[in-house]
Amino acid sequence: MKKTTAGFVAAAVMAVTGQAAVADGHEITVGYFLEWPMPFLASKASGAYDEALGMSVNWVSFDTGTAMSAAMASGDVQLSVSQGVPPFVVAASGGQDIQIVDVAVSYSDNDNCVVSSGLEIDAESASELAGKKVAVPLGTAAHYGFLRQMDHFGVALDSLTVVDMAPAEGAAALGQGDVDMSCGWGGALNTMKEHGNVLLTGDEKEALGILVFDVTSAPASYIAENGDTVAKFLAVTAAANAEWAANGSDEMLAVIAEQSGMDVDATAASLATFKFPTIEEQLSEAWLGGNAATFMKGVADVFVGAGSIDGSLDSYEGTVNTGPLAAAADM
């Protein structure tokens, strides 16, 4: 995992004109995912963020949320859009001073594990996974979902061979028969489904308390010093979400598809499984007003129990900063 993360961070640094981008009031570097279609990409394309912030926004794509954490820790990235909660929790639990500033998207059906069709294993026969090889992007939402599902089905982790792979790599490995199950999200998950089946649907996972949502995150020091910039950024994102919810035009869909590196049909299929909470909903008890911190504690404890991290924080309330989002509501 260290090798993979280092590679992604190096690529990110190279993408920013060969040097680390420093937020000096003239520019900001924002991390995001390709093959992960969201309304904010339309605003990225139109330059709405640059206009609202009054500075140049450099966009750098990543393959995993763990790489985003590393880039924020090094100061190369100031904001990360749609970082998974599990990689955020891993970083915060390890002492990284980062905070959540909004709920980017909820997507229980767009993050899952797929079993090779050749095995003919489903929810009723999941115990047959014992002894199999699984591709999992460690420290991500997919990793957390994998752990919870294996616990639900009673499949011992030490009976599996778990290989750390980014979703695209895992999809290729599943298609080539190199692994028996692969976990991931977005376009890579769609590719995985061409070679197998999921064990649980999104609704079935939610019923078990396996939530899947991403956040916009940033170093706490950056938020403290640039709260107004963060608020303006979130306001643009919220406006894009509202526009998509109200209209969802073919023109906007086409721009989102182009920006995410996907075709229009695949983009529409992914967006159909996404939910984008409004600012009011995000500030409520159900999300950042209370439940998010409790949920993160649960995620951390699952990772501790699985031996994925050494320990968890006593509380994750301090990792949620609703100040900029509340300010964005008045913009």
C-alpha atoms as a PDB file:
ATOM      1  CA  MET A   1       0.000   0.000   0.000  1.00  0.00           C
ATOM      2  CA  LYS A   2       2.884   2.372   0.755  1.00  0.00           C
ATOM      3  CA  LYS A   3       4.285   1.842  -2.730  1.00  0.00           C
ATOM      4  CA  THR A   4       0.916   2.512  -4.344  1.00  0.00           C
ATOM      5  CA  THR A   5       0.299   5.644  -2.286  1.00  0.00           C
ATOM      6  CA  ALA A   6       3.766   6.991  -2.995  1.00  0.00           C
ATOM      7  CA  GLY A   7       3.214   6.504  -6.712  1.00  0.00           C
ATOM      8  CA  PHE A   8      -0.069   8.373  -6.693  1.00  0.00           C
ATOM      9  CA  VAL A   9       1.364  11.258  -4.684  1.00  0.00           C
ATOM     10  CA  ALA A  10       4.338  11.509  -7.025  1.00  0.00           C
ATOM     11  CA  ALA A  11       1.977  11.631  -9.996  1.00  0.00           C
ATOM     12  CA  ALA A  12      -0.065  14.311  -8.289  1.00  0.00           C
ATOM     13  CA  VAL A  13       2.999  16.456  -7.655  1.00  0.00           C
ATOM     14  CA  MET A  14       4.113  16.093 -11.265  1.00  0.00           C
ATOM     15  CA  ALA A  15       0.638  17.085 -12.427  1.00  0.00           C
ATOM     16  CA  VAL A  16       0.952  20.397 -10.597  1.00  0.00           C
ATOM     17  CA  THR A  17       3.534  21.853 -12.993  1.00  0.00           C
ATOM     18  CA  GLY A  18       6.317  19.765 -11.544  1.00  0.00           C
ATOM     19  CA  GLN A  19       6.284  21.367  -8.116  1.00  0.00           C
ATOM     20  CA  ALA A  20       4.217  21.312  -4.952  1.00  0.00           C
ATOM     21  CA  ALA A  21       1.320  23.716  -5.198  1.00  0.00           C
ATOM     22  CA  VAL A  22       1.127  25.982  -2.203  1.00  0.00           C
ATOM     23  CA  ALA A  23      -2.110  27.798  -1.395  1.00  0.00           C
ATOM     24  CA  ASP A  24      -0.774  31.344  -1.322  1.00  0.00           C
ATOM     25  CA  GLY A  25      -4.003  33.163  -2.056  1.00  0.00           C
ATOM     26  CA  HIS A  26      -3.544  32.813  -5.824  1.00  0.00           C
ATOM     27  CA  GLU A  27      -4.215  29.130  -6.306  1.00  0.00           C
ATOM     28  CA  ILE A  28      -5.539  26.035  -4.619  1.00  0.00           C
ATOM     29  CA  THR A  29      -5.045  22.383  -5.488  1.00  0.00           C
ATOM     30  CA  VAL A  30      -8.041  20.067  -5.234  1.00  0.00           C
ATOM     31  CA  GLY A  31      -8.029  16.271  -5.445  1.00  0.00           C
ATOM     32  CA  TYR A  32     -10.831  14.287  -7.072  1.00  0.00           C
ATOM     33  CA  PHE A  33     -11.530  10.937  -8.774  1.00  0.00           C
ATOM     34  CA  LEU A  34     -11.890  10.091 -12.439  1.00  0.00           C
ATOM     35  CA  GLU A  35     -14.650   7.612 -13.378  1.00  0.00           C
ATOM     36  CA  TRP A  36     -16.635   9.041 -10.467  1.00  0.00           C
ATOM     37  CA  PRO A  37     -19.293  11.294 -12.062  1.00  0.00           C
ATOM     38  CA  MET A  38     -20.681  14.056  -9.866  1.00  0.00           C
ATOM     39  CA  PRO A  39     -22.406  17.420 -10.536  1.00  0.00           C
ATOM     40  CA  PHE A  40     -19.430  19.445  -9.274  1.00  0.00           C
ATOM     41  CA  LEU A  41     -17.530  18.378 -12.402  1.00  0.00           C
ATOM     42  CA  ALA A  42     -19.784  20.614 -14.498  1.00  0.00           C
ATOM     43  CA  SER A  43     -18.705  23.572 -12.352  1.00  0.00           C
ATOM     44  CA  LYS A  44     -15.094  22.441 -12.644  1.00  0.00           C
ATOM     45  CA  ALA A  45     -15.429  22.552 -16.430  1.00  0.00           C
ATOM     46  CA  SER A  46     -17.137  25.949 -16.511  1.00  0.00           C
ATOM     47  CA  GLY A  47     -14.562  27.630 -14.274  1.00  0.00           C
ATOM     48  CA  ALA A  48     -17.201  28.411 -11.647  1.00  0.00           C
ATOM     49  CA  TYR A  49     -14.834  27.483  -8.820  1.00  0.00           C
ATOM     50  CA  ASP A  50     -12.073  29.782 -10.082  1.00  0.00           C
ATOM     51  CA  GLU A  51     -14.567  32.632 -10.408  1.00  0.00           C
ATOM     52  CA  ALA A  52     -16.130  32.151  -6.964  1.00  0.00           C
ATOM     53  CA  LEU A  53     -12.785  31.726  -5.188  1.00  0.00           C
ATOM     54  CA  GLY A  54     -11.030  34.447  -7.133  1.00  0.00           C
ATOM     55  CA  MET A  55      -8.047  32.208  -7.727  1.00  0.00           C
ATOM     56  CA  SER A  56      -6.821  29.427  -9.955  1.00  0.00           C
ATOM     57  CA  VAL A  57      -8.018  25.941  -8.990  1.00  0.00           C
ATOM     58  CA  ASN A  58      -5.644  23.126  -9.937  1.00  0.00           C
ATOM     59  CA  TRP A  59      -7.404  19.758 -10.196  1.00  0.00           C
ATOM     60  CA  VAL A  60      -5.443  16.541  -9.572  1.00  0.00           C
ATOM     61  CA  SER A  61      -6.995  13.087  -9.966  1.00  0.00           C
ATOM     62  CA  PHE A  62      -6.331  10.192  -7.592  1.00  0.00           C
ATOM     63  CA  ASP A  63      -7.114   6.480  -7.599  1.00  0.00           C
ATOM     64  CA  THR A  64      -7.692   6.044  -3.840  1.00  0.00           C
ATOM     65  CA  GLY A  65      -8.658   8.069  -0.790  1.00  0.00           C
ATOM     66  CA  THR A  66      -5.510   6.930   0.985  1.00  0.00           C
ATOM     67  CA  ALA A  67      -3.448   8.716  -1.665  1.00  0.00           C
ATOM     68  CA  MET A  68      -5.546  11.836  -1.091  1.00  0.00           C
ATOM     69  CA  SER A  69      -4.680  11.700   2.617  1.00  0.00           C
ATOM     70  CA  ALA A  70      -0.978  11.468   1.827  1.00  0.00           C
ATOM     71  CA  ALA A  71      -1.175  14.423  -0.580  1.00  0.00           C
ATOM     72  CA  MET A  72      -2.987  16.564   2.015  1.00  0.00           C
ATOM     73  CA  ALA A  73      -0.440  15.584   4.674  1.00  0.00           C
ATOM     74  CA  SER A  74       2.419  16.705   2.440  1.00  0.00           C
ATOM     75  CA  GLY A  75       0.725  20.019   1.643  1.00  0.00           C
ATOM     76  CA  ASP A  76       0.406  19.272  -2.076  1.00  0.00           C
ATOM     77  CA  VAL A  77      -3.416  19.240  -1.912  1.00  0.00           C
ATOM     78  CA  GLN A  78      -5.638  21.611   0.059  1.00  0.00           C
ATOM     79  CA  LEU A  79      -9.066  20.030  -0.530  1.00  0.00           C
ATOM     80  CA  SER A  80     -10.146  16.521  -1.506  1.00  0.00           C
ATOM     81  CA  VAL A  81     -13.572  16.000  -3.052  1.00  0.00           C
ATOM     82  CA  SER A  82     -15.353  12.696  -2.448  1.00  0.00           C
ATOM     83  CA  GLN A  83     -12.772  11.099  -0.170  1.00  0.00           C
ATOM     84  CA  GLY A  84     -14.210   7.918   1.303  1.00  0.00           C
ATOM     85  CA  VAL A  85     -14.994   7.920   5.012  1.00  0.00           C
ATOM     86  CA  PRO A  86     -12.793   4.857   5.744  1.00  0.00           C
ATOM     87  CA  PRO A  87      -9.563   6.360   4.318  1.00  0.00           C
ATOM     88  CA  PHE A  88     -10.401   9.595   6.136  1.00  0.00           C
ATOM     89  CA  VAL A  89     -10.839   7.634   9.373  1.00  0.00           C
ATOM     90  CA  VAL A  90      -7.571   5.762   8.831  1.00  0.00           C
ATOM     91  CA  ALA A  91      -5.699   9.048   8.450  1.00  0.00           C
ATOM     92  CA  ALA A  92      -7.414  10.778  11.383  1.00  0.00           C
ATOM     93  CA  SER A  93      -6.900   7.734  13.609  1.00  0.00           C
ATOM     94  CA  GLY A  94      -3.212   7.796  12.754  1.00  0.00           C
ATOM     95  CA  GLY A  95      -2.888  11.375  13.948  1.00  0.00           C
ATOM     96  CA  GLN A  96      -3.285  13.319  10.697  1.00  0.00           C
ATOM     97  CA  ASP A  97      -4.981  16.641  11.438  1.00  0.00           C
ATOM     98  CA  ILE A  98      -7.708  16.614   8.775  1.00  0.00           C
ATOM     99  CA  GLN A  99     -11.394  17.493   8.940  1.00  0.00           C
ATOM    100  CA  ILE A 100     -14.616  16.833   7.051  1.00  0.00           C
ATOM    101  CA  VAL A 101     -16.322  19.914   5.623  1.00  0.00           C
ATOM    102  CA  ASP A 102     -19.240  18.365   3.721  1.00  0.00           C
ATOM    103  CA  VAL A 103     -20.970  15.157   2.644  1.00  0.00           C
ATOM    104  CA  ALA A 104     -20.044  14.806  -1.003  1.00  0.00           C
ATOM    105  CA  VAL A 105     -22.225  11.841  -1.963  1.00  0.00           C
ATOM    106  CA  SER A 106     -24.010   8.772  -0.594  1.00  0.00           C
ATOM    107  CA  TYR A 107     -23.787   5.651  -2.750  1.00  0.00           C
ATOM    108  CA  SER A 108     -24.529   2.264  -1.214  1.00  0.00           C
ATOM    109  CA  ASP A 109     -25.021   0.678  -4.650  1.00  0.00           C
ATOM    110  CA  ASN A 110     -21.869   2.100  -6.178  1.00  0.00           C
ATOM    111  CA  ASP A 111     -19.284   0.591  -3.859  1.00  0.00           C
ATOM    112  CA  ASN A 112     -19.256  -3.175  -3.518  1.00  0.00           C
ATOM    113  CA  CYS A 113     -17.494  -6.505  -3.874  1.00  0.00           C
ATOM    114  CA  VAL A 114     -17.995  -8.785  -6.891  1.00  0.00           C
ATOM    115  CA  VAL A 115     -17.482 -12.558  -6.908  1.00  0.00           C
ATOM    116  CA  SER A 116     -16.270 -14.250 -10.092  1.00  0.00           C
ATOM    117  CA  SER A 117     -19.208 -15.729 -12.010  1.00  0.00           C
ATOM    118  CA  GLY A 118     -17.250 -18.943 -12.462  1.00  0.00           C
ATOM    119  CA  LEU A 119     -17.539 -19.676  -8.738  1.00  0.00           C
ATOM    120  CA  GLU A 120     -21.340 -19.399  -8.674  1.00  0.00           C
ATOM    121  CA  ILE A 121     -21.206 -18.049  -5.105  1.00  0.00           C
ATOM    122  CA  ASP A 122     -24.038 -15.861  -3.803  1.00  0.00           C
ATOM    123  CA  ALA A 123     -25.330 -14.725  -0.417  1.00  0.00           C
ATOM    124  CA  GLU A 124     -26.584 -18.220   0.360  1.00  0.00           C
ATOM    125  CA  SER A 125     -23.211 -19.841  -0.316  1.00  0.00           C
ATOM    126  CA  ALA A 126     -20.844 -17.048   0.780  1.00  0.00           C
ATOM    127  CA  SER A 127     -19.070 -19.416   3.179  1.00  0.00           C
ATOM    128  CA  GLU A 128     -17.463 -20.969   0.093  1.00  0.00           C
ATOM    129  CA  LEU A 129     -15.291 -17.849  -0.202  1.00  0.00           C
ATOM    130  CA  ALA A 130     -12.960 -19.341   2.427  1.00  0.00           C
ATOM    131  CA  GLY A 131      -9.582 -20.006   0.835  1.00  0.00           C
ATOM    132  CA  LYS A 132     -10.201 -17.607  -2.037  1.00  0.00           C
ATOM    133  CA  LYS A 133      -8.104 -14.654  -3.275  1.00  0.00           C
ATOM    134  CA  VAL A 134      -9.596 -11.156  -3.007  1.00  0.00           C
ATOM    135  CA  ALA A 135      -8.503  -7.797  -4.463  1.00  0.00           C
ATOM    136  CA  VAL A 136      -9.270  -4.943  -2.037  1.00  0.00           C
ATOM    137  CA  PRO A 137      -8.091  -1.298  -2.048  1.00  0.00           C
ATOM    138  CA  LEU A 138      -6.977  -1.188   1.582  1.00  0.00           C
ATOM    139  CA  GLY A 139      -8.074   1.637   3.863  1.00  0.00           C
ATOM    140  CA  THR A 140     -10.972   2.660   1.616  1.00  0.00           C
ATOM    141  CA  ALA A 141     -14.777   2.516   1.732  1.00  0.00           C
ATOM    142  CA  ALA A 142     -14.580  -0.696  -0.286  1.00  0.00           C
ATOM    143  CA  HIS A 143     -12.237  -2.182   2.343  1.00  0.00           C
ATOM    144  CA  TYR A 144     -14.644  -1.316   5.137  1.00  0.00           C
ATOM    145  CA  GLY A 145     -17.581  -2.767   3.210  1.00  0.00           C
ATOM    146  CA  PHE A 146     -15.579  -5.920   2.524  1.00  0.00           C
ATOM    147  CA  LEU A 147     -14.765  -6.375   6.218  1.00  0.00           C
ATOM    148  CA  ARG A 148     -18.379  -5.849   7.278  1.00  0.00           C
ATOM    149  CA  GLN A 149     -19.701  -8.238   4.639  1.00  0.00           C
ATOM    150  CA  MET A 150     -17.230 -10.969   5.540  1.00  0.00           C
ATOM    151  CA  ASP A 151     -18.201 -10.539   9.195  1.00  0.00           C
ATOM    152  CA  HIS A 152     -21.886 -10.771   8.254  1.00  0.00           C
ATOM    153  CA  PHE A 153     -21.345 -13.972   6.270  1.00  0.00           C
ATOM    154  CA  GLY A 154     -19.032 -15.484   8.887  1.00  0.00           C
ATOM    155  CA  VAL A 155     -16.051 -15.749   6.535  1.00  0.00           C
ATOM    156  CA  ALA A 156     -12.822 -15.627   8.554  1.00  0.00           C
ATOM    157  CA  LEU A 157     -10.384 -13.030   7.240  1.00  0.00           C
ATOM    158  CA  ASP A 158      -7.408 -15.294   7.873  1.00  0.00           C
ATOM    159  CA  SER A 159      -8.970 -17.824   5.496  1.00  0.00           C
ATOM    160  CA  LEU A 160      -8.654 -15.358   2.608  1.00  0.00           C
ATOM    161  CA  THR A 161      -5.688 -14.103   0.611  1.00  0.00           C
ATOM    162  CA  VAL A 162      -6.225 -10.340   0.449  1.00  0.00           C
ATOM    163  CA  VAL A 163      -4.276  -8.379  -2.158  1.00  0.00           C
ATOM    164  CA  ASP A 164      -4.113  -4.569  -2.055  1.00  0.00           C
ATOM    165  CA  MET A 165      -5.232  -3.313  -5.479  1.00  0.00           C
ATOM    166  CA  ALA A 166      -6.769  -0.083  -6.737  1.00  0.00           C
ATOM    167  CA  PRO A 167     -10.270  -0.720  -8.183  1.00  0.00           C
ATOM    168  CA  ALA A 168      -9.188  -0.592 -11.837  1.00  0.00           C
ATOM    169  CA  GLU A 169      -6.406  -3.101 -11.140  1.00  0.00           C
ATOM    170  CA  GLY A 170      -8.804  -5.319  -9.199  1.00  0.00           C
ATOM    171  CA  ALA A 171     -11.320  -5.249 -12.051  1.00  0.00           C
ATOM    172  CA  ALA A 172      -8.636  -6.345 -14.511  1.00  0.00           C
ATOM    173  CA  ALA A 173      -7.465  -9.096 -12.168  1.00  0.00           C
ATOM    174  CA  LEU A 174     -11.017 -10.389 -11.777  1.00  0.00           C
ATOM    175  CA  GLY A 175     -11.542 -10.406 -15.526  1.00  0.00           C
ATOM    176  CA  GLN A 176      -8.284 -12.318 -16.056  1.00  0.00           C
ATOM    177  CA  GLY A 177      -9.118 -14.860 -13.357  1.00  0.00           C
ATOM    178  CA  ASP A 178      -6.203 -13.810 -11.152  1.00  0.00           C
ATOM    179  CA  VAL A 179      -8.513 -13.183  -8.165  1.00  0.00           C
ATOM    180  CA  ASP A 180     -11.792 -14.749  -7.073  1.00  0.00           C
ATOM    181  CA  MET A 181     -13.413 -11.569  -5.785  1.00  0.00           C
ATOM    182  CA  SER A 182     -12.692  -7.889  -6.236  1.00  0.00           C
ATOM    183  CA  CYS A 183     -13.947  -4.802  -4.401  1.00  0.00           C
ATOM    184  CA  GLY A 184     -14.210  -1.245  -5.685  1.00  0.00           C
ATOM    185  CA  TRP A 185     -16.417   1.551  -6.963  1.00  0.00           C
ATOM    186  CA  GLY A 186     -17.445   3.624  -9.971  1.00  0.00           C
ATOM    187  CA  GLY A 187     -16.430   2.607 -13.469  1.00  0.00           C
ATOM    188  CA  ALA A 188     -14.196  -0.154 -12.116  1.00  0.00           C
ATOM    189  CA  LEU A 189     -17.160  -1.681 -10.257  1.00  0.00           C
ATOM    190  CA  ASN A 190     -19.170  -1.679 -13.486  1.00  0.00           C
ATOM    191  CA  THR A 191     -16.323  -3.572 -15.151  1.00  0.00           C
ATOM    192  CA  MET A 192     -16.197  -6.051 -12.270  1.00  0.00           C
ATOM    193  CA  LYS A 193     -19.912  -6.769 -12.677  1.00  0.00           C
ATOM    194  CA  GLU A 194     -19.231  -7.908 -16.238  1.00  0.00           C
ATOM    195  CA  HIS A 195     -17.315 -10.830 -14.719  1.00  0.00           C
ATOM    196  CA  GLY A 196     -19.352 -11.680 -11.629  1.00  0.00           C
ATOM    197  CA  ASN A 197     -22.059 -10.854  -9.110  1.00  0.00           C
ATOM    198  CA  VAL A 198     -22.440  -8.898  -5.863  1.00  0.00           C
ATOM    199  CA  LEU A 199     -23.311 -10.667  -2.621  1.00  0.00           C
ATOM    200  CA  LEU A 200     -25.490  -7.873  -1.204  1.00  0.00           C
ATOM    201  CA  THR A 201     -27.365  -4.996  -2.830  1.00  0.00           C
ATOM    202  CA  GLY A 202     -27.038  -1.423  -1.600  1.00  0.00           C
ATOM    203  CA  ASP A 203     -30.349  -1.617   0.268  1.00  0.00           C
ATOM    204  CA  GLU A 204     -29.320  -4.900   1.885  1.00  0.00           C
ATOM    205  CA  LYS A 205     -26.038  -3.353   3.024  1.00  0.00           C
ATOM    206  CA  GLU A 206     -27.786  -0.292   4.464  1.00  0.00           C
ATOM    207  CA  ALA A 207     -30.136  -2.594   6.384  1.00  0.00           C
ATOM    208  CA  LEU A 208     -27.040  -4.084   8.030  1.00  0.00           C
ATOM    209  CA  GLY A 209     -25.726  -0.615   8.862  1.00  0.00           C
ATOM    210  CA  ILE A 210     -23.084  -0.655   6.136  1.00  0.00           C
ATOM    211  CA  LEU A 211     -23.322   2.951   4.994  1.00  0.00           C
ATOM    212  CA  VAL A 212     -21.261   4.220   2.105  1.00  0.00           C
ATOM    213  CA  PHE A 213     -20.646   7.927   1.683  1.00  0.00           C
ATOM    214  CA  ASP A 214     -17.842  10.267   0.742  1.00  0.00           C
ATOM    215  CA  VAL A 215     -16.831  13.634   2.123  1.00  0.00           C
ATOM    216  CA  THR A 216     -14.949  16.742   1.138  1.00  0.00           C
ATOM    217  CA  SER A 217     -11.948  16.941   3.445  1.00  0.00           C
ATOM    218  CA  ALA A 218      -9.047  19.276   4.112  1.00  0.00           C
ATOM    219  CA  PRO A 219      -6.165  19.810   6.529  1.00  0.00           C
ATOM    220  CA  ALA A 220      -7.541  21.425   9.698  1.00  0.00           C
ATOM    221  CA  SER A 221      -4.846  24.106   9.536  1.00  0.00           C
ATOM    222  CA  TYR A 222      -5.896  25.079   6.021  1.00  0.00           C
ATOM    223  CA  ILE A 223      -9.559  25.352   7.034  1.00  0.00           C
ATOM    224  CA  ALA A 224      -8.660  27.483  10.060  1.00  0.00           C
ATOM    225  CA  GLU A 225      -6.715  29.933   7.915  1.00  0.00           C
ATOM    226  CA  ASN A 226      -8.921  29.863   4.802  1.00  0.00           C
ATOM    227  CA  GLY A 227     -12.455  29.301   6.057  1.00  0.00           C
ATOM    228  CA  ASP A 228     -13.993  31.754   3.590  1.00  0.00           C
ATOM    229  CA  THR A 229     -12.306  30.061   0.630  1.00  0.00           C
ATOM    230  CA  VAL A 230     -13.569  26.663   1.782  1.00  0.00           C
ATOM    231  CA  ALA A 231     -17.091  28.053   2.246  1.00  0.00           C
ATOM    232  CA  LYS A 232     -17.118  29.507  -1.274  1.00  0.00           C
ATOM    233  CA  PHE A 233     -15.921  26.184  -2.673  1.00  0.00           C
ATOM    234  CA  LEU A 234     -18.710  24.323  -0.884  1.00  0.00           C
ATOM    235  CA  ALA A 235     -21.284  26.855  -2.068  1.00  0.00           C
ATOM    236  CA  VAL A 236     -20.350  26.173  -5.706  1.00  0.00           C
ATOM    237  CA  THR A 237     -20.584  22.433  -5.092  1.00  0.00           C
ATOM    238  CA  ALA A 238     -24.018  22.795  -3.475  1.00  0.00           C
ATOM    239  CA  ALA A 239     -25.238  24.912  -6.385  1.00  0.00           C
ATOM    240  CA  ALA A 240     -24.111  22.237  -8.862  1.00  0.00           C
ATOM    241  CA  ASN A 241     -25.897  19.546  -6.853  1.00  0.00           C
ATOM    242  CA  ALA A 242     -29.061  21.650  -6.754  1.00  0.00           C
ATOM    243  CA  GLU A 243     -28.910  22.249 -10.517  1.00  0.00           C
ATOM    244  CA  TRP A 244     -28.551  18.529 -11.172  1.00  0.00           C
ATOM    245  CA  ALA A 245     -31.420  17.676  -8.827  1.00  0.00           C
ATOM    246  CA  ALA A 246     -33.698  20.295 -10.397  1.00  0.00           C
ATOM    247  CA  ASN A 247     -32.895  19.775 -14.058  1.00  0.00           C
ATOM    248  CA  GLY A 248     -30.357  17.027 -14.756  1.00  0.00           C
ATOM    249  CA  SER A 249     -30.105  18.175 -18.355  1.00  0.00           C
ATOM    250  CA  ASP A 250     -28.520  16.145 -21.142  1.00  0.00           C
ATOM    251  CA  GLU A 251     -26.040  18.984 -21.620  1.00  0.00           C
ATOM    252  CA  MET A 252     -24.922  18.835 -17.978  1.00  0.00           C
ATOM    253  CA  LEU A 253     -24.758  15.043 -18.156  1.00  0.00           C
ATOM    254  CA  ALA A 254     -22.506  15.220 -21.208  1.00  0.00           C
ATOM    255  CA  VAL A 255     -20.109  17.606 -19.449  1.00  0.00           C
ATOM    256  CA  ILE A 256     -19.983  15.412 -16.324  1.00  0.00           C
ATOM    257  CA  ALA A 257     -19.290  12.364 -18.495  1.00  0.00           C
ATOM    258  CA  GLU A 258     -16.460  14.101 -20.347  1.00  0.00           C
ATOM    259  CA  GLN A 259     -14.903  15.391 -17.127  1.00  0.00           C
ATOM    260  CA  SER A 260     -15.059  11.974 -15.444  1.00  0.00           C
ATOM    261  CA  GLY A 261     -13.627  10.103 -18.425  1.00  0.00           C
ATOM    262  CA  MET A 262     -16.736   7.968 -18.963  1.00  0.00           C
ATOM    263  CA  ASP A 263     -19.322   7.561 -21.709  1.00  0.00           C
ATOM    264  CA  VAL A 264     -22.732   9.165 -21.237  1.00  0.00           C
ATOM    265  CA  ASP A 265     -24.647   5.930 -20.604  1.00  0.00           C
ATOM    266  CA  ALA A 266     -22.223   4.742 -17.914  1.00  0.00           C
ATOM    267  CA  THR A 267     -22.285   8.195 -16.334  1.00  0.00           C
ATOM    268  CA  ALA A 268     -26.073   8.229 -16.210  1.00  0.00           C
ATOM    269  CA  ALA A 269     -26.089   4.723 -14.706  1.00  0.00           C
ATOM    270  CA  SER A 270     -23.663   5.761 -11.948  1.00  0.00           C
ATOM    271  CA  LEU A 271     -25.483   9.006 -11.157  1.00  0.00           C
ATOM    272  CA  ALA A 272     -28.740   7.077 -10.823  1.00  0.00           C
ATOM    273  CA  THR A 273     -27.235   5.335  -7.772  1.00  0.00           C
ATOM    274  CA  PHE A 274     -25.896   8.534  -6.169  1.00  0.00           C
ATOM    275  CA  LYS A 275     -27.584  10.766  -3.595  1.00  0.00           C
ATOM    276  CA  PHE A 276     -26.372  14.334  -2.963  1.00  0.00           C
ATOM    277  CA  PRO A 277     -27.654  15.687   0.383  1.00  0.00           C
ATOM    278  CA  THR A 278     -28.493  19.387   0.510  1.00  0.00           C
ATOM    279  CA  ILE A 279     -26.616  21.700   2.869  1.00  0.00           C
ATOM    280  CA  GLU A 280     -29.606  21.644   5.222  1.00  0.00           C
ATOM    281  CA  GLU A 281     -29.625  17.847   5.225  1.00  0.00           C
ATOM    282  CA  GLN A 282     -25.855  17.686   5.737  1.00  0.00           C
ATOM    283  CA  LEU A 283     -26.033  19.962   8.784  1.00  0.00           C
ATOM    284  CA  SER A 284     -28.780  17.840  10.346  1.00  0.00           C
ATOM    285  CA  GLU A 285     -28.326  15.228  13.062  1.00  0.00           C
ATOM    286  CA  ALA A 286     -28.556  12.491  10.424  1.00  0.00           C
ATOM    287  CA  TRP A 287     -25.269  13.585   8.888  1.00  0.00           C
ATOM    288  CA  LEU A 288     -22.637  16.054  10.092  1.00  0.00           C
ATOM    289  CA  GLY A 289     -24.763  17.260  12.996  1.00  0.00           C
ATOM    290  CA  GLY A 290     -24.103  14.072  14.915  1.00  0.00           C
ATOM    291  CA  ASN A 291     -24.394  10.726  13.145  1.00  0.00           C
ATOM    292  CA  ALA A 292     -21.257  11.106  11.015  1.00  0.00           C
ATOM    293  CA  ALA A 293     -18.931  11.197  14.026  1.00  0.00           C
ATOM    294  CA  THR A 294     -20.660   8.192  15.581  1.00  0.00           C
ATOM    295  CA  PHE A 295     -20.444   6.279  12.303  1.00  0.00           C
ATOM    296  CA  MET A 296     -16.732   7.063  11.964  1.00  0.00           C
ATOM    297  CA  LYS A 297     -16.097   5.681  15.423  1.00  0.00           C
ATOM    298  CA  GLY A 298     -17.782   2.473  14.315  1.00  0.00           C
ATOM    299  CA  VAL A 299     -15.650   2.309  11.165  1.00  0.00           C
ATOM    300  CA  ALA A 300     -12.487   2.867  13.198  1.00  0.00           C
ATOM    301  CA  ASP A 301     -13.362   0.149  15.693  1.00  0.00           C
ATOM    302  CA  VAL A 302     -14.006  -2.321  12.850  1.00  0.00           C
ATOM    303  CA  PHE A 303     -10.576  -1.521  11.402  1.00  0.00           C
ATOM    304  CA  VAL A 304      -8.945  -1.936  14.822  1.00  0.00           C
ATOM    305  CA  GLY A 305     -10.671  -5.279  15.274  1.00  0.00           C
ATOM    306  CA  ALA A 306      -9.457  -6.413  11.854  1.00  0.00           C
ATOM    307  CA  GLY A 307      -5.904  -5.344  12.663  1.00  0.00           C
ATOM    308  CA  SER A 308      -5.906  -2.740   9.869  1.00  0.00           C
ATOM    309  CA  ILE A 309      -5.049   0.172  12.190  1.00  0.00           C
ATOM    310  CA  ASP A 310      -3.406   0.262  15.596  1.00  0.00           C
ATOM    311  CA  GLY A 311      -6.062   2.245  17.438  1.00  0.00           C
ATOM    312  CA  SER A 312      -8.990   4.627  17.163  1.00  0.00           C
ATOM    313  CA  LEU A 313      -9.761   8.059  18.586  1.00  0.00           C
ATOM    314  CA  ASP A 314     -12.017   8.293  21.632  1.00  0.00           C
ATOM    315  CA  SER A 315     -14.340  10.467  19.556  1.00  0.00           C
ATOM    316  CA  TYR A 316     -14.410  11.731  15.978  1.00  0.00           C
ATOM    317  CA  GLU A 317     -16.472  14.843  16.706  1.00  0.00           C
ATOM    318  CA  GLY A 318     -13.351  16.982  16.374  1.00  0.00           C
ATOM    319  CA  THR A 319     -12.795  15.733  12.828  1.00  0.00           C
ATOM    320  CA  VAL A 320     -16.036  17.345  11.621  1.00  0.00           C
ATOM    321  CA  ASN A 321     -15.996  21.102  10.932  1.00  0.00           C
ATOM    322  CA  THR A 322     -19.403  22.439   9.873  1.00  0.00           C
ATOM    323  CA  GLY A 323     -18.366  26.114  10.014  1.00  0.00           C
ATOM    324  CA  PRO A 324     -17.603  26.559   6.299  1.00  0.00           C
ATOM    325  CA  LEU A 325     -20.728  24.631   5.249  1.00  0.00           C
ATOM    326  CA  ALA A 326     -22.950  26.751   7.499  1.00  0.00           C
ATOM    327  CA  ALA A 327     -21.358  29.837   5.974  1.00  0.00           C
ATOM    328  CA  ALA A 328     -21.939  28.450   2.466  1.00  0.00           C
ATOM    329  CA  ALA A 329     -25.652  28.202   3.214  1.00  0.00           C
ATOM    330  CA  ASP A 330     -25.804  31.997   3.397  1.00  0.00           C
ATOM    331  CA  MET A 331     -23.915  32.601   0.140  1.00  0.00           C
END
